[in-house]
Amino acid sequence: MWLLDLGNTRLKLAWAEAAGLGPVSALAHGEPDFEARLARLLASRPAAPACLASVAPAGVRLRVEAVLHSLGIVPRRAETRAECAGVRIAYADPARLGVDRFLGLLAARRRGGDWLVASFGSALTLDLLDARGCHRGGLIGIAEQHQRAALVERFPALQRGLGEPAVAWATDTADAVAAGARRQALGFVMAAWDDACAELGHPPRLLLGGGDALRHADALRRRLGAEVELSEGLVLEGLAVFAGLA
């Protein structure tokens, strides 16, 4: 079965069987050859079923579905459920919890134990899942790159180039903006992790997903002394659970 995770900037997809996920491919849907590249990938498995999770605008989703239909594939759409695969979400209205966050919780539940799930994507989202599968709630923050963009848009004098986000103490404006945005993203996760420890009575593990997860993982390990796990295809993992493959 093809698993497709359609986000705001990229489509991630992988072939999945009961034995696990295959290699993950990522396609930017803003590229002019997006549909052609997607069709070539999908055509490697003729008449294969598919399961699609989307948080993208409807127009982008319809483009992906058109490619699938052209190959004779009618995708199953993933949706957030109040309970699924041992997870009980905290939202009273399941439709208000993004399907990407929901699937991240399914992926965490499959691992067992307490998890703070952080997704570093177009937005920075956090969700706390306890060892019984109860979702305690979550948070949504602004991603690092959007923090920088918003700051320089509001204050044009701060536009001095990209800057270096890894410096401890900046000595010019570009680095100060970049490093400040990086610290804000880290601080958001660190504050939530501290609240999660108080909520649970003990530290959870951190499960990181999203395109920017790798650049934050080492800093979070060092600053929190927490167990941190990275997943290249966190939503796809959860999608496999939703589809009954895992």
Protein backbone atom coordinates (compact mmCIF):
# COMPACT_ATOMS: atom_id res chain seq x y z
CA MET A 1 0.00 0.00 0.00
CA TRP A 2 1.15 3.53 -0.77
CA LEU A 3 1.08 5.89 2.21
CA LEU A 4 0.96 9.60 1.40
CA ASP A 5 1.49 12.47 3.85
CA LEU A 6 0.50 15.73 2.16
CA GLY A 7 1.72 18.77 4.07
CA ASN A 8 1.74 22.49 3.39
CA THR A 9 4.95 22.41 1.34
CA ARG A 10 5.81 18.78 0.58
CA LEU A 11 4.30 15.40 -0.09
CA LYS A 12 6.02 12.48 1.64
CA LEU A 13 5.22 9.00 0.45
CA ALA A 14 6.41 5.47 1.06
CA TRP A 15 5.42 1.95 0.12
CA ALA A 16 4.37 0.02 3.22
CA GLU A 17 3.71 -3.60 4.04
CA ALA A 18 3.16 -5.44 7.30
CA ALA A 19 6.94 -5.75 7.57
CA GLY A 20 7.32 -1.97 7.68
CA LEU A 21 7.87 1.19 5.65
CA GLY A 22 10.07 1.36 2.60
CA PRO A 23 12.23 4.39 1.70
CA VAL A 24 10.54 7.75 2.15
CA SER A 25 10.37 10.08 -0.87
CA ALA A 26 9.62 13.80 -0.52
CA LEU A 27 8.27 15.98 -3.33
CA ALA A 28 7.70 19.74 -3.11
CA HIS A 29 4.25 20.35 -4.54
CA GLY A 30 5.24 23.84 -5.61
CA GLU A 31 7.62 22.44 -8.24
CA PRO A 32 6.38 22.52 -11.87
CA ASP A 33 7.07 18.81 -12.44
CA PHE A 34 5.41 17.69 -9.20
CA GLU A 35 2.58 15.70 -10.80
CA ALA A 36 4.89 13.98 -13.29
CA ARG A 37 7.36 12.92 -10.59
CA LEU A 38 4.54 11.67 -8.38
CA ALA A 39 3.03 9.65 -11.24
CA ARG A 40 6.38 8.00 -11.96
CA LEU A 41 6.79 6.95 -8.34
CA LEU A 42 3.26 5.60 -8.04
CA ALA A 43 3.49 3.74 -11.35
CA SER A 44 6.24 1.53 -9.90
CA ARG A 45 3.45 -0.35 -8.09
CA PRO A 46 0.64 -0.82 -10.64
CA ALA A 47 -2.91 -0.86 -9.29
CA ALA A 48 -1.63 -0.49 -5.72
CA PRO A 49 -3.99 0.76 -2.98
CA ALA A 50 -3.22 4.03 -1.17
CA CYS A 51 -4.01 5.86 2.04
CA LEU A 52 -3.74 9.66 2.10
CA ALA A 53 -3.44 12.10 5.00
CA SER A 54 -3.64 15.78 4.07
CA VAL A 55 -3.35 19.11 5.88
CA ALA A 56 -2.70 20.96 2.61
CA PRO A 57 -5.19 23.34 0.95
CA ALA A 58 -7.99 21.57 -0.93
CA GLY A 59 -6.57 22.56 -4.31
CA VAL A 60 -3.29 20.79 -3.61
CA ARG A 61 -5.08 17.68 -2.33
CA LEU A 62 -7.21 17.56 -5.47
CA ARG A 63 -4.07 17.68 -7.62
CA VAL A 64 -2.65 14.66 -5.78
CA GLU A 65 -5.94 12.79 -5.98
CA ALA A 66 -6.11 13.49 -9.72
CA VAL A 67 -2.74 11.81 -10.22
CA LEU A 68 -3.88 8.83 -8.16
CA HIS A 69 -7.14 8.52 -10.07
CA SER A 70 -5.30 8.71 -13.40
CA LEU A 71 -3.48 5.53 -12.35
CA GLY A 72 -6.67 3.78 -11.25
CA ILE A 73 -6.02 4.39 -7.54
CA VAL A 74 -8.87 5.52 -5.30
CA PRO A 75 -7.17 6.60 -2.06
CA ARG A 76 -8.56 6.04 1.39
CA ARG A 77 -8.56 9.33 3.33
CA ALA A 78 -7.28 9.32 6.90
CA GLU A 79 -9.25 11.36 9.42
CA THR A 80 -8.88 12.11 13.11
CA ARG A 81 -10.90 9.83 15.37
CA ALA A 82 -11.76 10.19 19.02
CA GLU A 83 -10.28 6.73 19.64
CA CYS A 84 -8.04 4.65 17.43
CA ALA A 85 -5.39 1.96 17.95
CA GLY A 86 -5.28 2.52 21.69
CA VAL A 87 -5.16 6.34 21.53
CA ARG A 88 -7.90 8.53 23.03
CA ILE A 89 -7.57 12.14 21.99
CA ALA A 90 -8.28 15.03 24.36
CA TYR A 91 -10.21 17.19 21.89
CA ALA A 92 -13.99 17.15 22.35
CA ASP A 93 -14.39 17.58 18.58
CA PRO A 94 -11.95 15.22 16.83
CA ALA A 95 -12.16 17.18 13.57
CA ARG A 96 -10.39 20.11 15.25
CA LEU A 97 -7.20 18.10 15.83
CA GLY A 98 -5.08 18.06 12.68
CA VAL A 99 -4.77 14.62 11.12
CA ASP A 100 -0.98 14.94 11.08
CA ARG A 101 -0.91 15.41 14.86
CA PHE A 102 -3.36 12.54 15.31
CA LEU A 103 -1.19 10.21 13.23
CA GLY A 104 1.90 11.29 15.18
CA LEU A 105 0.11 10.15 18.34
CA LEU A 106 -0.62 6.74 16.75
CA ALA A 107 3.08 6.41 15.92
CA ALA A 108 4.02 7.28 19.51
CA ARG A 109 1.47 4.88 20.98
CA ARG A 110 2.92 2.02 18.94
CA ARG A 111 6.26 2.58 20.73
CA GLY A 112 4.67 2.36 24.21
CA GLY A 113 5.30 4.61 27.19
CA ASP A 114 4.93 8.35 27.74
CA TRP A 115 5.82 10.67 24.86
CA LEU A 116 5.98 14.35 24.12
CA VAL A 117 5.56 14.41 20.34
CA ALA A 118 7.09 17.44 18.61
CA SER A 119 6.65 18.12 14.89
CA PHE A 120 8.98 20.70 13.37
CA GLY A 121 7.13 21.44 10.16
CA SER A 122 5.42 24.50 8.72
CA ALA A 123 4.13 24.96 12.27
CA LEU A 124 5.71 23.68 15.48
CA THR A 125 3.25 21.37 17.20
CA LEU A 126 3.48 19.51 20.50
CA ASP A 127 1.26 16.75 21.90
CA LEU A 128 1.54 14.82 25.16
CA LEU A 129 0.58 11.13 25.20
CA ASP A 130 0.68 9.05 28.36
CA ALA A 131 1.50 5.37 28.67
CA ARG A 132 -2.22 4.45 28.78
CA GLY A 133 -2.78 6.03 25.37
CA CYS A 134 -4.50 9.14 26.72
CA HIS A 135 -3.74 12.32 24.81
CA ARG A 136 -3.36 15.03 27.45
CA GLY A 137 -3.54 17.88 24.92
CA GLY A 138 -1.14 19.88 22.81
CA LEU A 139 0.27 23.22 21.70
CA ILE A 140 0.80 24.96 18.37
CA GLY A 141 3.62 27.46 17.87
CA ILE A 142 5.32 29.26 15.03
CA ALA A 143 8.12 27.47 13.21
CA GLU A 144 11.64 28.86 13.30
CA GLN A 145 11.71 30.02 9.68
CA HIS A 146 8.36 31.79 10.04
CA GLN A 147 9.52 33.51 13.23
CA ARG A 148 12.42 35.03 11.30
CA ALA A 149 10.20 36.02 8.39
CA ALA A 150 7.57 37.62 10.64
CA LEU A 151 10.18 39.59 12.58
CA VAL A 152 11.89 41.12 9.56
CA GLU A 153 8.54 41.81 7.88
CA ARG A 154 7.40 43.77 10.93
CA PHE A 155 10.79 45.45 11.41
CA PRO A 156 12.51 45.84 8.00
CA ALA A 157 15.67 47.25 9.59
CA LEU A 158 16.38 43.74 10.91
CA GLN A 159 16.68 42.34 7.38
CA ARG A 160 20.41 41.66 7.16
CA GLY A 161 20.46 38.23 5.48
CA LEU A 162 19.90 34.71 6.78
CA GLY A 163 22.38 34.68 9.66
CA GLU A 164 23.78 31.77 11.66
CA PRO A 165 21.27 30.22 14.11
CA ALA A 166 23.83 28.06 15.96
CA VAL A 167 25.84 30.89 17.55
CA ALA A 168 25.50 31.25 21.33
CA TRP A 169 25.83 35.04 21.37
CA ALA A 170 25.46 36.94 18.12
CA THR A 171 27.69 39.89 17.20
CA ASP A 172 25.64 41.14 14.23
CA THR A 173 21.97 41.58 13.41
CA ALA A 174 21.54 38.69 10.98
CA ASP A 175 22.96 36.17 13.45
CA ALA A 176 20.98 37.72 16.33
CA VAL A 177 17.69 37.23 14.45
CA ALA A 178 18.53 33.69 13.32
CA ALA A 179 19.84 32.56 16.71
CA GLY A 180 16.92 34.21 18.49
CA ALA A 181 14.41 32.33 16.36
CA ARG A 182 16.26 29.06 17.03
CA ARG A 183 16.19 29.69 20.79
CA GLN A 184 12.49 30.53 20.72
CA ALA A 185 11.73 27.20 19.03
CA LEU A 186 13.89 25.31 21.52
CA GLY A 187 12.41 27.23 24.45
CA PHE A 188 8.87 26.36 23.33
CA VAL A 189 9.70 22.64 23.46
CA MET A 190 11.69 22.93 26.70
CA ALA A 191 8.86 24.74 28.51
CA ALA A 192 6.35 22.14 27.30
CA TRP A 193 8.65 19.30 28.37
CA ASP A 194 8.88 20.84 31.87
CA ASP A 195 5.06 21.08 32.02
CA ALA A 196 4.82 17.49 30.77
CA CYS A 197 7.07 16.31 33.61
CA ALA A 198 4.77 18.04 36.09
CA GLU A 199 1.65 16.62 34.40
CA LEU A 200 2.91 13.04 34.39
CA GLY A 201 4.98 13.10 37.58
CA HIS A 202 8.03 11.92 35.63
CA PRO A 203 9.83 12.81 32.39
CA PRO A 204 8.41 11.64 29.08
CA ARG A 205 10.52 10.73 26.11
CA LEU A 206 10.68 13.12 23.16
CA LEU A 207 9.61 11.97 19.70
CA LEU A 208 10.60 14.42 16.97
CA GLY A 209 9.23 14.57 13.44
CA GLY A 210 8.99 17.08 10.64
CA GLY A 211 11.50 18.44 8.18
CA ASP A 212 13.40 20.56 10.73
CA ALA A 213 13.56 17.98 13.52
CA LEU A 214 17.17 16.95 12.95
CA ARG A 215 18.59 20.43 13.53
CA HIS A 216 16.96 20.60 16.99
CA ALA A 217 17.54 17.06 18.25
CA ASP A 218 21.07 17.40 19.66
CA ALA A 219 20.32 20.67 21.42
CA LEU A 220 17.23 19.18 23.09
CA ARG A 221 19.16 16.10 24.22
CA ARG A 222 21.88 18.27 25.71
CA ARG A 223 19.66 20.85 27.37
CA LEU A 224 17.00 18.49 28.72
CA GLY A 225 19.01 15.33 29.36
CA ALA A 226 15.99 13.57 27.87
CA GLU A 227 15.69 10.52 25.64
CA VAL A 228 15.08 11.85 22.12
CA GLU A 229 13.99 9.78 19.13
CA LEU A 230 13.82 11.03 15.56
CA SER A 231 11.41 9.77 12.90
CA GLU A 232 11.88 10.78 9.27
CA GLY A 233 8.33 9.70 8.45
CA LEU A 234 6.41 10.15 11.70
CA VAL A 235 3.06 10.82 10.01
CA LEU A 236 3.64 7.92 7.61
CA GLU A 237 4.29 5.64 10.61
CA GLY A 238 0.98 6.68 12.10
CA LEU A 239 -0.71 6.29 8.74
CA ALA A 240 0.49 2.69 8.62
CA VAL A 241 -1.16 2.11 11.99
CA PHE A 242 -4.37 3.80 10.81
CA ALA A 243 -4.40 1.64 7.67
CA GLY A 244 -3.98 -1.52 9.71
CA LEU A 245 -0.48 -2.31 8.42
CA ALA A 246 1.24 -1.96 11.78
